[in-house]
PDB file of N, CA and C in Angstrom:
ATOM      1  N   MET A   1     -21.402  34.778 -61.755  1.00  0.00           N
ATOM      2  CA  MET A   1     -21.421  33.357 -61.989  1.00  0.00           C
ATOM      3  C   MET A   1     -21.137  32.652 -60.659  1.00  0.00           C
ATOM      4  N   LYS A   2     -21.923  31.645 -60.379  1.00  0.00           N
ATOM      5  CA  LYS A   2     -21.799  30.913 -59.123  1.00  0.00           C
ATOM      6  C   LYS A   2     -21.656  29.437 -59.456  1.00  0.00           C
ATOM      7  N   VAL A   3     -20.618  28.826 -58.857  1.00  0.00           N
ATOM      8  CA  VAL A   3     -20.352  27.405 -59.091  1.00  0.00           C
ATOM      9  C   VAL A   3     -20.439  26.683 -57.749  1.00  0.00           C
ATOM     10  N   THR A   4     -21.141  25.593 -57.713  1.00  0.00           N
ATOM     11  CA  THR A   4     -21.266  24.776 -56.508  1.00  0.00           C
ATOM     12  C   THR A   4     -20.746  23.389 -56.810  1.00  0.00           C
ATOM     13  N   ILE A   5     -19.860  22.921 -55.907  1.00  0.00           N
ATOM     14  CA  ILE A   5     -19.303  21.574 -56.062  1.00  0.00           C
ATOM     15  C   ILE A   5     -19.658  20.781 -54.815  1.00  0.00           C
ATOM     16  N   ASP A   6     -20.267  19.656 -54.984  1.00  0.00           N
ATOM     17  CA  ASP A   6     -20.577  18.749 -53.882  1.00  0.00           C
ATOM     18  C   ASP A   6     -19.599  17.586 -53.932  1.00  0.00           C
ATOM     19  N   ILE A   7     -18.923  17.358 -52.803  1.00  0.00           N
ATOM     20  CA  ILE A   7     -17.976  16.246 -52.716  1.00  0.00           C
ATOM     21  C   ILE A   7     -18.540  15.259 -51.702  1.00  0.00           C
ATOM     22  N   ASP A   8     -18.690  14.031 -52.140  1.00  0.00           N
ATOM     23  CA  ASP A   8     -19.220  12.985 -51.279  1.00  0.00           C
ATOM     24  C   ASP A   8     -18.070  12.047 -50.919  1.00  0.00           C
ATOM     25  N   CYS A   9     -17.541  12.224 -49.695  1.00  0.00           N
ATOM     26  CA  CYS A   9     -16.449  11.343 -49.238  1.00  0.00           C
ATOM     27  C   CYS A   9     -16.521  11.218 -47.720  1.00  0.00           C
ATOM     28  N   THR A  10     -15.859  10.201 -47.231  1.00  0.00           N
ATOM     29  CA  THR A  10     -15.813   9.984 -45.794  1.00  0.00           C
ATOM     30  C   THR A  10     -14.722  10.871 -45.195  1.00  0.00           C
ATOM     31  N   PRO A  11     -14.726  11.064 -43.891  1.00  0.00           N
ATOM     32  CA  PRO A  11     -13.658  11.842 -43.259  1.00  0.00           C
ATOM     33  C   PRO A  11     -12.273  11.230 -43.503  1.00  0.00           C
ATOM     34  N   ASP A  12     -12.187   9.895 -43.522  1.00  0.00           N
ATOM     35  CA  ASP A  12     -10.898   9.252 -43.800  1.00  0.00           C
ATOM     36  C   ASP A  12     -10.418   9.557 -45.214  1.00  0.00           C
ATOM     37  N   GLU A  13     -11.332   9.523 -46.161  1.00  0.00           N
ATOM     38  CA  GLU A  13     -10.962   9.840 -47.544  1.00  0.00           C
ATOM     39  C   GLU A  13     -10.519  11.297 -47.672  1.00  0.00           C
ATOM     40  N   ALA A  14     -11.189  12.199 -47.002  1.00  0.00           N
ATOM     41  CA  ALA A  14     -10.808  13.615 -47.047  1.00  0.00           C
ATOM     42  C   ALA A  14      -9.436  13.815 -46.406  1.00  0.00           C
ATOM     43  N   ARG A  15      -9.200  13.149 -45.267  1.00  0.00           N
ATOM     44  CA  ARG A  15      -7.901  13.249 -44.594  1.00  0.00           C
ATOM     45  C   ARG A  15      -6.785  12.755 -45.508  1.00  0.00           C
ATOM     46  N   GLN A  16      -6.986  11.613 -46.144  1.00  0.00           N
ATOM     47  CA  GLN A  16      -5.971  11.068 -47.044  1.00  0.00           C
ATOM     48  C   GLN A  16      -5.757  11.987 -48.247  1.00  0.00           C
ATOM     49  N   PHE A  17      -6.825  12.536 -48.797  1.00  0.00           N
ATOM     50  CA  PHE A  17      -6.715  13.420 -49.955  1.00  0.00           C
ATOM     51  C   PHE A  17      -5.924  14.687 -49.609  1.00  0.00           C
ATOM     52  N   LEU A  18      -6.141  15.218 -48.387  1.00  0.00           N
ATOM     53  CA  LEU A  18      -5.444  16.433 -47.974  1.00  0.00           C
ATOM     54  C   LEU A  18      -4.049  16.151 -47.429  1.00  0.00           C
ATOM     55  N   GLY A  19      -3.704  14.872 -47.259  1.00  0.00           N
ATOM     56  CA  GLY A  19      -2.373  14.512 -46.785  1.00  0.00           C
ATOM     57  C   GLY A  19      -2.182  14.664 -45.290  1.00  0.00           C
ATOM     58  N   LEU A  20      -3.263  14.638 -44.534  1.00  0.00           N
ATOM     59  CA  LEU A  20      -3.180  14.765 -43.084  1.00  0.00           C
ATOM     60  C   LEU A  20      -2.836  13.405 -42.464  1.00  0.00           C
ATOM     61  N   PRO A  21      -2.139  13.407 -41.325  1.00  0.00           N
ATOM     62  CA  PRO A  21      -1.739  12.132 -40.706  1.00  0.00           C
ATOM     63  C   PRO A  21      -2.923  11.405 -40.072  1.00  0.00           C
ATOM     64  N   ASP A  22      -2.799  10.097 -39.980  1.00  0.00           N
ATOM     65  CA  ASP A  22      -3.815   9.269 -39.342  1.00  0.00           C
ATOM     66  C   ASP A  22      -3.508   9.232 -37.839  1.00  0.00           C
ATOM     67  N   VAL A  23      -4.378   9.785 -37.028  1.00  0.00           N
ATOM     68  CA  VAL A  23      -4.143   9.860 -35.590  1.00  0.00           C
ATOM     69  C   VAL A  23      -4.973   8.850 -34.794  1.00  0.00           C
ATOM     70  N   LYS A  24      -5.630   7.929 -35.481  1.00  0.00           N
ATOM     71  CA  LYS A  24      -6.456   6.947 -34.775  1.00  0.00           C
ATOM     72  C   LYS A  24      -5.643   6.080 -33.806  1.00  0.00           C
ATOM     73  N   PRO A  25      -4.453   5.557 -34.181  1.00  0.00           N
ATOM     74  CA  PRO A  25      -3.688   4.754 -33.211  1.00  0.00           C
ATOM     75  C   PRO A  25      -3.251   5.566 -31.991  1.00  0.00           C
ATOM     76  N   LEU A  26      -2.848   6.807 -32.205  1.00  0.00           N
ATOM     77  CA  LEU A  26      -2.445   7.665 -31.094  1.00  0.00           C
ATOM     78  C   LEU A  26      -3.633   7.956 -30.183  1.00  0.00           C
ATOM     79  N   GLN A  27      -4.770   8.242 -30.780  1.00  0.00           N
ATOM     80  CA  GLN A  27      -5.973   8.520 -30.005  1.00  0.00           C
ATOM     81  C   GLN A  27      -6.398   7.293 -29.196  1.00  0.00           C
ATOM     82  N   ALA A  28      -6.333   6.113 -29.785  1.00  0.00           N
ATOM     83  CA  ALA A  28      -6.710   4.887 -29.072  1.00  0.00           C
ATOM     84  C   ALA A  28      -5.771   4.639 -27.895  1.00  0.00           C
ATOM     85  N   ALA A  29      -4.463   4.866 -28.099  1.00  0.00           N
ATOM     86  CA  ALA A  29      -3.493   4.660 -27.020  1.00  0.00           C
ATOM     87  C   ALA A  29      -3.714   5.657 -25.886  1.00  0.00           C
ATOM     88  N   MET A  30      -3.969   6.902 -26.226  1.00  0.00           N
ATOM     89  CA  MET A  30      -4.188   7.919 -25.194  1.00  0.00           C
ATOM     90  C   MET A  30      -5.483   7.660 -24.420  1.00  0.00           C
ATOM     91  N   LEU A  31      -6.527   7.233 -25.106  1.00  0.00           N
ATOM     92  CA  LEU A  31      -7.779   6.925 -24.426  1.00  0.00           C
ATOM     93  C   LEU A  31      -7.632   5.720 -23.500  1.00  0.00           C
ATOM     94  N   ALA A  32      -6.859   4.723 -23.909  1.00  0.00           N
ATOM     95  CA  ALA A  32      -6.625   3.554 -23.055  1.00  0.00           C
ATOM     96  C   ALA A  32      -5.865   3.963 -21.798  1.00  0.00           C
ATOM     97  N   LYS A  33      -4.860   4.813 -21.959  1.00  0.00           N
ATOM     98  CA  LYS A  33      -4.083   5.273 -20.803  1.00  0.00           C
ATOM     99  C   LYS A  33      -4.950   6.119 -19.875  1.00  0.00           C
ATOM    100  N   LEU A  34      -5.774   6.984 -20.433  1.00  0.00           N
ATOM    101  CA  LEU A  34      -6.671   7.813 -19.639  1.00  0.00           C
ATOM    102  C   LEU A  34      -7.670   6.956 -18.874  1.00  0.00           C
ATOM    103  N   GLU A  35      -8.187   5.926 -19.522  1.00  0.00           N
ATOM    104  CA  GLU A  35      -9.130   5.025 -18.862  1.00  0.00           C
ATOM    105  C   GLU A  35      -8.457   4.302 -17.694  1.00  0.00           C
ATOM    106  N   GLU A  36      -7.219   3.869 -17.882  1.00  0.00           N
ATOM    107  CA  GLU A  36      -6.475   3.194 -16.809  1.00  0.00           C
ATOM    108  C   GLU A  36      -6.259   4.137 -15.622  1.00  0.00           C
ATOM    109  N   GLN A  37      -5.874   5.380 -15.883  1.00  0.00           N
ATOM    110  CA  GLN A  37      -5.653   6.344 -14.817  1.00  0.00           C
ATOM    111  C   GLN A  37      -6.946   6.666 -14.083  1.00  0.00           C
ATOM    112  N   MET A  38      -8.041   6.772 -14.799  1.00  0.00           N
ATOM    113  CA  MET A  38      -9.321   7.053 -14.159  1.00  0.00           C
ATOM    114  C   MET A  38      -9.776   5.876 -13.302  1.00  0.00           C
ATOM    115  N   THR A  39      -9.516   4.660 -13.754  1.00  0.00           N
ATOM    116  CA  THR A  39      -9.864   3.474 -12.977  1.00  0.00           C
ATOM    117  C   THR A  39      -9.057   3.427 -11.682  1.00  0.00           C
ATOM    118  N   GLN A  40      -7.763   3.731 -11.763  1.00  0.00           N
ATOM    119  CA  GLN A  40      -6.917   3.750 -10.567  1.00  0.00           C
ATOM    120  C   GLN A  40      -7.368   4.840  -9.599  1.00  0.00           C
ATOM    121  N   ALA A  41      -7.716   6.006 -10.115  1.00  0.00           N
ATOM    122  CA  ALA A  41      -8.171   7.098  -9.262  1.00  0.00           C
ATOM    123  C   ALA A  41      -9.501   6.743  -8.593  1.00  0.00           C
ATOM    124  N   ALA A  42     -10.384   6.096  -9.318  1.00  0.00           N
ATOM    125  CA  ALA A  42     -11.671   5.694  -8.743  1.00  0.00           C
ATOM    126  C   ALA A  42     -11.480   4.645  -7.659  1.00  0.00           C
ATOM    127  N   ALA A  43     -10.515   3.750  -7.842  1.00  0.00           N
ATOM    128  CA  ALA A  43     -10.256   2.724  -6.829  1.00  0.00           C
ATOM    129  C   ALA A  43      -9.713   3.349  -5.549  1.00  0.00           C
ATOM    130  N   SER A  44      -8.907   4.397  -5.681  1.00  0.00           N
ATOM    131  CA  SER A  44      -8.352   5.033  -4.489  1.00  0.00           C
ATOM    132  C   SER A  44      -9.403   5.864  -3.753  1.00  0.00           C
ATOM    133  N   MET A  45     -10.522   6.139  -4.393  1.00  0.00           N
ATOM    134  CA  MET A  45     -11.586   6.909  -3.764  1.00  0.00           C
ATOM    135  C   MET A  45     -12.712   6.019  -3.239  1.00  0.00           C
ATOM    136  N   SER A  46     -12.481   4.716  -3.155  1.00  0.00           N
ATOM    137  CA  SER A  46     -13.512   3.822  -2.638  1.00  0.00           C
ATOM    138  C   SER A  46     -13.710   4.087  -1.143  1.00  0.00           C
ATOM    139  N   PRO A  47     -14.885   3.802  -0.620  1.00  0.00           N
ATOM    140  CA  PRO A  47     -15.135   4.049   0.807  1.00  0.00           C
ATOM    141  C   PRO A  47     -14.147   3.323   1.711  1.00  0.00           C
ATOM    142  N   ASP A  48     -13.786   2.093   1.376  1.00  0.00           N
ATOM    143  CA  ASP A  48     -12.828   1.355   2.202  1.00  0.00           C
ATOM    144  C   ASP A  48     -11.474   2.047   2.228  1.00  0.00           C
ATOM    145  N   ALA A  49     -10.999   2.472   1.054  1.00  0.00           N
ATOM    146  CA  ALA A  49      -9.696   3.137   0.994  1.00  0.00           C
ATOM    147  C   ALA A  49      -9.718   4.465   1.744  1.00  0.00           C
ATOM    148  N   LEU A  50     -10.820   5.207   1.638  1.00  0.00           N
ATOM    149  CA  LEU A  50     -10.910   6.474   2.351  1.00  0.00           C
ATOM    150  C   LEU A  50     -10.920   6.274   3.858  1.00  0.00           C
ATOM    151  N   LEU A  51     -11.677   5.293   4.340  1.00  0.00           N
ATOM    152  CA  LEU A  51     -11.708   5.036   5.779  1.00  0.00           C
ATOM    153  C   LEU A  51     -10.347   4.598   6.299  1.00  0.00           C
ATOM    154  N   LYS A  52      -9.659   3.766   5.541  1.00  0.00           N
ATOM    155  CA  LYS A  52      -8.323   3.336   5.966  1.00  0.00           C
ATOM    156  C   LYS A  52      -7.358   4.512   6.000  1.00  0.00           C
ATOM    157  N   ALA A  53      -7.479   5.419   5.041  1.00  0.00           N
ATOM    158  CA  ALA A  53      -6.599   6.580   5.019  1.00  0.00           C
ATOM    159  C   ALA A  53      -6.907   7.530   6.175  1.00  0.00           C
ATOM    160  N   TRP A  54      -8.186   7.741   6.450  1.00  0.00           N
ATOM    161  CA  TRP A  54      -8.564   8.671   7.499  1.00  0.00           C
ATOM    162  C   TRP A  54      -8.366   8.092   8.892  1.00  0.00           C
ATOM    163  N   LEU A  55      -8.673   6.818   9.048  1.00  0.00           N
ATOM    164  CA  LEU A  55      -8.648   6.208  10.373  1.00  0.00           C
ATOM    165  C   LEU A  55      -7.477   5.248  10.571  1.00  0.00           C
ATOM    166  N   GLY A  56      -6.553   5.239   9.667  1.00  0.00           N
ATOM    167  CA  GLY A  56      -5.427   4.317   9.756  1.00  0.00           C
ATOM    168  C   GLY A  56      -4.575   4.526  10.983  1.00  0.00           C
ATOM    169  N   THR A  57      -4.425   5.768  11.436  1.00  0.00           N
ATOM    170  CA  THR A  57      -3.586   6.040  12.601  1.00  0.00           C
ATOM    171  C   THR A  57      -4.413   6.327  13.841  1.00  0.00           C
ATOM    172  N   ALA A  58      -5.717   6.178  13.764  1.00  0.00           N
ATOM    173  CA  ALA A  58      -6.580   6.438  14.911  1.00  0.00           C
ATOM    174  C   ALA A  58      -6.407   5.331  15.956  1.00  0.00           C
ATOM    175  N   PRO A  59      -6.487   5.699  17.218  1.00  0.00           N
ATOM    176  CA  PRO A  59      -6.374   4.688  18.277  1.00  0.00           C
ATOM    177  C   PRO A  59      -7.525   3.683  18.202  1.00  0.00           C
ATOM    178  N   GLN A  60      -7.223   2.436  18.471  1.00  0.00           N
ATOM    179  CA  GLN A  60      -8.224   1.384  18.321  1.00  0.00           C
ATOM    180  C   GLN A  60      -8.844   0.946  19.651  1.00  0.00           C
ATOM    181  N   SER A  61      -8.161   1.117  20.763  1.00  0.00           N
ATOM    182  CA  SER A  61      -8.720   0.670  22.039  1.00  0.00           C
ATOM    183  C   SER A  61      -8.885   1.870  22.967  1.00  0.00           C
ATOM    184  N   SER A  62      -9.619   1.651  24.058  1.00  0.00           N
ATOM    185  CA  SER A  62      -9.854   2.748  25.001  1.00  0.00           C
ATOM    186  C   SER A  62      -8.550   3.175  25.677  1.00  0.00           C
ATOM    187  N   GLU A  63      -7.634   2.237  25.905  1.00  0.00           N
ATOM    188  CA  GLU A  63      -6.331   2.586  26.494  1.00  0.00           C
ATOM    189  C   GLU A  63      -5.544   3.497  25.551  1.00  0.00           C
ATOM    190  N   GLN A  64      -5.597   3.191  24.284  1.00  0.00           N
ATOM    191  CA  GLN A  64      -4.884   4.025  23.315  1.00  0.00           C
ATOM    192  C   GLN A  64      -5.489   5.420  23.247  1.00  0.00           C
ATOM    193  N   VAL A  65      -6.810   5.515  23.353  1.00  0.00           N
ATOM    194  CA  VAL A  65      -7.474   6.816  23.347  1.00  0.00           C
ATOM    195  C   VAL A  65      -7.060   7.606  24.579  1.00  0.00           C
ATOM    196  N   GLN A  66      -7.055   6.950  25.734  1.00  0.00           N
ATOM    197  CA  GLN A  66      -6.680   7.610  26.980  1.00  0.00           C
ATOM    198  C   GLN A  66      -5.228   8.087  26.924  1.00  0.00           C
ATOM    199  N   LYS A  67      -4.343   7.276  26.381  1.00  0.00           N
ATOM    200  CA  LYS A  67      -2.941   7.671  26.258  1.00  0.00           C
ATOM    201  C   LYS A  67      -2.771   8.830  25.276  1.00  0.00           C
ATOM    202  N   ALA A  68      -3.556   8.817  24.215  1.00  0.00           N
ATOM    203  CA  ALA A  68      -3.470   9.903  23.237  1.00  0.00           C
ATOM    204  C   ALA A  68      -3.927  11.222  23.857  1.00  0.00           C
ATOM    205  N   PHE A  69      -5.039  11.193  24.622  1.00  0.00           N
ATOM    206  CA  PHE A  69      -5.493  12.411  25.294  1.00  0.00           C
ATOM    207  C   PHE A  69      -4.472  12.877  26.333  1.00  0.00           C
ATOM    208  N   ALA A  70      -3.910  11.944  27.072  1.00  0.00           N
ATOM    209  CA  ALA A  70      -2.919  12.305  28.080  1.00  0.00           C
ATOM    210  C   ALA A  70      -1.695  12.935  27.425  1.00  0.00           C
ATOM    211  N   ALA A  71      -1.245  12.373  26.320  1.00  0.00           N
ATOM    212  CA  ALA A  71      -0.089  12.928  25.629  1.00  0.00           C
ATOM    213  C   ALA A  71      -0.398  14.319  25.085  1.00  0.00           C
ATOM    214  N   PHE A  72      -1.629  14.543  24.686  1.00  0.00           N
ATOM    215  CA  PHE A  72      -2.026  15.858  24.165  1.00  0.00           C
ATOM    216  C   PHE A  72      -2.151  16.884  25.290  1.00  0.00           C
ATOM    217  N   LEU A  73      -2.716  16.472  26.436  1.00  0.00           N
ATOM    218  CA  LEU A  73      -3.004  17.413  27.516  1.00  0.00           C
ATOM    219  C   LEU A  73      -1.833  17.618  28.466  1.00  0.00           C
ATOM    220  N   ASN A  74      -0.867  16.708  28.507  1.00  0.00           N
ATOM    221  CA  ASN A  74       0.262  16.855  29.417  1.00  0.00           C
ATOM    222  C   ASN A  74       1.022  18.163  29.216  1.00  0.00           C
ATOM    223  N   PRO A  75       1.349  18.563  28.028  1.00  0.00           N
ATOM    224  CA  PRO A  75       2.074  19.834  27.874  1.00  0.00           C
ATOM    225  C   PRO A  75       1.234  21.048  28.312  1.00  0.00           C
ATOM    226  N   LEU A  76      -0.085  20.946  28.252  1.00  0.00           N
ATOM    227  CA  LEU A  76      -0.944  22.071  28.620  1.00  0.00           C
ATOM    228  C   LEU A  76      -1.119  22.196  30.126  1.00  0.00           C
ATOM    229  N   PHE A  77      -1.302  21.075  30.820  1.00  0.00           N
ATOM    230  CA  PHE A  77      -1.635  21.101  32.238  1.00  0.00           C
ATOM    231  C   PHE A  77      -0.552  20.494  33.117  1.00  0.00           C
ATOM    232  N   GLY A  78       0.556  20.136  32.592  1.00  0.00           N
ATOM    233  CA  GLY A  78       1.615  19.520  33.371  1.00  0.00           C
ATOM    234  C   GLY A  78       1.446  18.025  33.417  1.00  0.00           C
ATOM    235  N   LYS A  79       2.398  17.361  33.975  1.00  0.00           N
ATOM    236  CA  LYS A  79       2.412  15.895  34.028  1.00  0.00           C
ATOM    237  C   LYS A  79       1.320  15.395  34.927  1.00  0.00           C
ATOM    238  N   THR A  80       0.456  14.529  34.426  1.00  0.00           N
ATOM    239  CA  THR A  80      -0.600  13.911  35.215  1.00  0.00           C
ATOM    240  C   THR A  80      -0.449  12.400  35.121  1.00  0.00           C
ATOM    241  N   GLU A  81      -0.911  11.725  36.137  1.00  0.00           N
ATOM    242  CA  GLU A  81      -0.873  10.277  36.164  1.00  0.00           C
ATOM    243  C   GLU A  81      -2.058   9.714  35.407  1.00  0.00           C
ATOM    244  N   THR A  82      -1.832   8.666  34.646  1.00  0.00           N
ATOM    245  CA  THR A  82      -2.929   7.964  33.983  1.00  0.00           C
ATOM    246  C   THR A  82      -3.087   6.623  34.638  1.00  0.00           C
ATOM    247  N   PRO A  83      -4.322   6.225  34.961  1.00  0.00           N
ATOM    248  CA  PRO A  83      -4.527   4.933  35.650  1.00  0.00           C
ATOM    249  C   PRO A  83      -4.172   3.762  34.795  1.00  0.00           C
TER     250      PRO A  83
END
């Protein structure tokens, strides 16, 4: 003997019938927080932010470049005069 039962209900109705908790508010809150974190991460990866991070401490003038090279090479070759 074979018995088939068809139940026509929505997922919410099935959840309520089985006594399972409603997780929609928790899911909405977690998705909002995830979206905020992803937006912040995307903003920190913008080309402007990356260039500022990479070149923020780079010398800006030719004198600064010359001083940076002199400071780097002085320990290797001894004290040299910079014009």
